[in-house]
Structure formats: C-alpha cells, structure tokens
Amino acid sequence: MTNILKVAFREFFGMFIDDGALALAALLLIAVVGVLVKFAHADALLAAALLLLGCLLILAESVARAARKKFQRK
C-alpha cells in the first residue's frame, strides 16, 4: 500500500513539476531576493537584475544536468 501511495504522489507531482531541483532553486531564489528587498531595502532594479541572472544560472545548470543525464544513458 505504501508503494502505491509513493508512486501516486510522484506521478501527481510530476504532472506539475518535472524537475524538482529546478523548482526548488527558483523558489529559493525568489525567497532570497524577497528577503533582500524587504529587510535589506535593496533597490528594485538590483532585485530585478538578481532575479534575472539567478533564473538564467538556474536554467543553465538545469540544461547542463539534463544533457549529462542524456549522454550518460548512451
């Protein structure tokens, strides 16, 4: 019964989020920039630049990880 629940949860999670590490990194980036803006009173332009650069780095890492997995399977 436990295995069935685990599989069902993974399938349900997989419908919305294919790459958990990517989603977690994006949420962490948003949280860090939000804290900087709220408590460190970071400039809005700086926060936007951090979000943009952070997203680009996260996406690049995700693509590199996917490419490594693909080439390791061959």
Protein backbone atom coordinates (compact mmCIF):
# COMPACT_ATOMS: atom_id res chain seq x y z
CA MET A 1 0.00 0.00 0.00
CA THR A 2 2.85 2.40 0.82
CA ASN A 3 4.48 1.83 -2.57
CA ILE A 4 1.22 2.61 -4.33
CA LEU A 5 0.94 5.90 -2.41
CA LYS A 6 4.54 6.82 -3.22
CA VAL A 7 4.04 6.12 -6.92
CA ALA A 8 0.76 8.05 -6.95
CA PHE A 9 2.40 11.03 -5.23
CA ARG A 10 5.34 11.03 -7.66
CA GLU A 11 3.01 10.85 -10.65
CA PHE A 12 0.84 13.66 -9.29
CA PHE A 13 3.92 15.79 -8.52
CA GLY A 14 5.35 15.00 -11.96
CA MET A 15 2.25 16.36 -13.71
CA PHE A 16 3.05 19.84 -12.41
CA ILE A 17 6.79 19.84 -11.76
CA ASP A 18 9.08 17.81 -13.98
CA ASP A 19 12.36 18.97 -12.44
CA GLY A 20 12.15 19.27 -8.67
CA ALA A 21 15.65 20.74 -8.33
CA LEU A 22 14.79 23.49 -10.80
CA ALA A 23 11.57 24.35 -8.96
CA LEU A 24 13.30 24.34 -5.57
CA ALA A 25 16.14 26.56 -6.79
CA ALA A 26 13.68 29.04 -8.31
CA LEU A 27 11.67 29.21 -5.08
CA LEU A 28 14.85 29.69 -3.08
CA LEU A 29 15.98 32.49 -5.41
CA ILE A 30 12.64 34.26 -5.06
CA ALA A 31 12.77 33.92 -1.27
CA VAL A 32 16.32 35.29 -1.04
CA VAL A 33 15.57 38.27 -3.29
CA GLY A 34 12.36 38.90 -1.37
CA VAL A 35 14.25 38.96 1.92
CA LEU A 36 16.85 41.32 0.44
CA VAL A 37 14.15 43.72 -0.73
CA LYS A 38 12.14 43.56 2.48
CA PHE A 39 14.85 43.61 5.15
CA ALA A 40 17.99 44.92 3.43
CA HIS A 41 16.00 47.52 1.47
CA ALA A 42 17.66 46.52 -1.79
CA ASP A 43 16.85 48.65 -4.80
CA ALA A 44 14.10 47.32 -7.10
CA LEU A 45 16.42 47.42 -10.13
CA LEU A 46 19.04 45.40 -8.25
CA ALA A 47 16.39 42.88 -7.19
CA ALA A 48 15.17 42.54 -10.77
CA ALA A 49 18.73 42.04 -12.02
CA LEU A 50 19.37 39.40 -9.34
CA LEU A 51 16.18 37.58 -10.31
CA LEU A 52 17.08 37.65 -14.00
CA LEU A 53 20.67 36.50 -13.51
CA GLY A 54 19.65 33.90 -10.94
CA CYS A 55 16.99 32.45 -13.25
CA LEU A 56 19.44 32.30 -16.13
CA LEU A 57 22.01 30.49 -13.98
CA ILE A 58 19.41 28.06 -12.64
CA LEU A 59 18.17 27.30 -16.16
CA ALA A 60 21.72 26.84 -17.47
CA GLU A 61 22.51 24.41 -14.65
CA SER A 62 19.30 22.50 -15.31
CA VAL A 63 20.07 22.18 -19.03
CA ALA A 64 23.62 21.03 -18.26
CA ARG A 65 22.32 18.44 -15.78
CA ALA A 66 19.78 17.14 -18.31
CA ALA A 67 22.46 16.93 -21.01
CA ARG A 68 24.77 14.97 -18.69
CA LYS A 69 21.95 12.52 -17.91
CA LYS A 70 21.16 12.09 -21.58
CA PHE A 71 24.75 11.38 -22.59
CA GLN A 72 25.34 9.04 -19.63
CA ARG A 73 22.44 6.84 -20.79
CA LYS A 74 24.05 6.19 -24.18
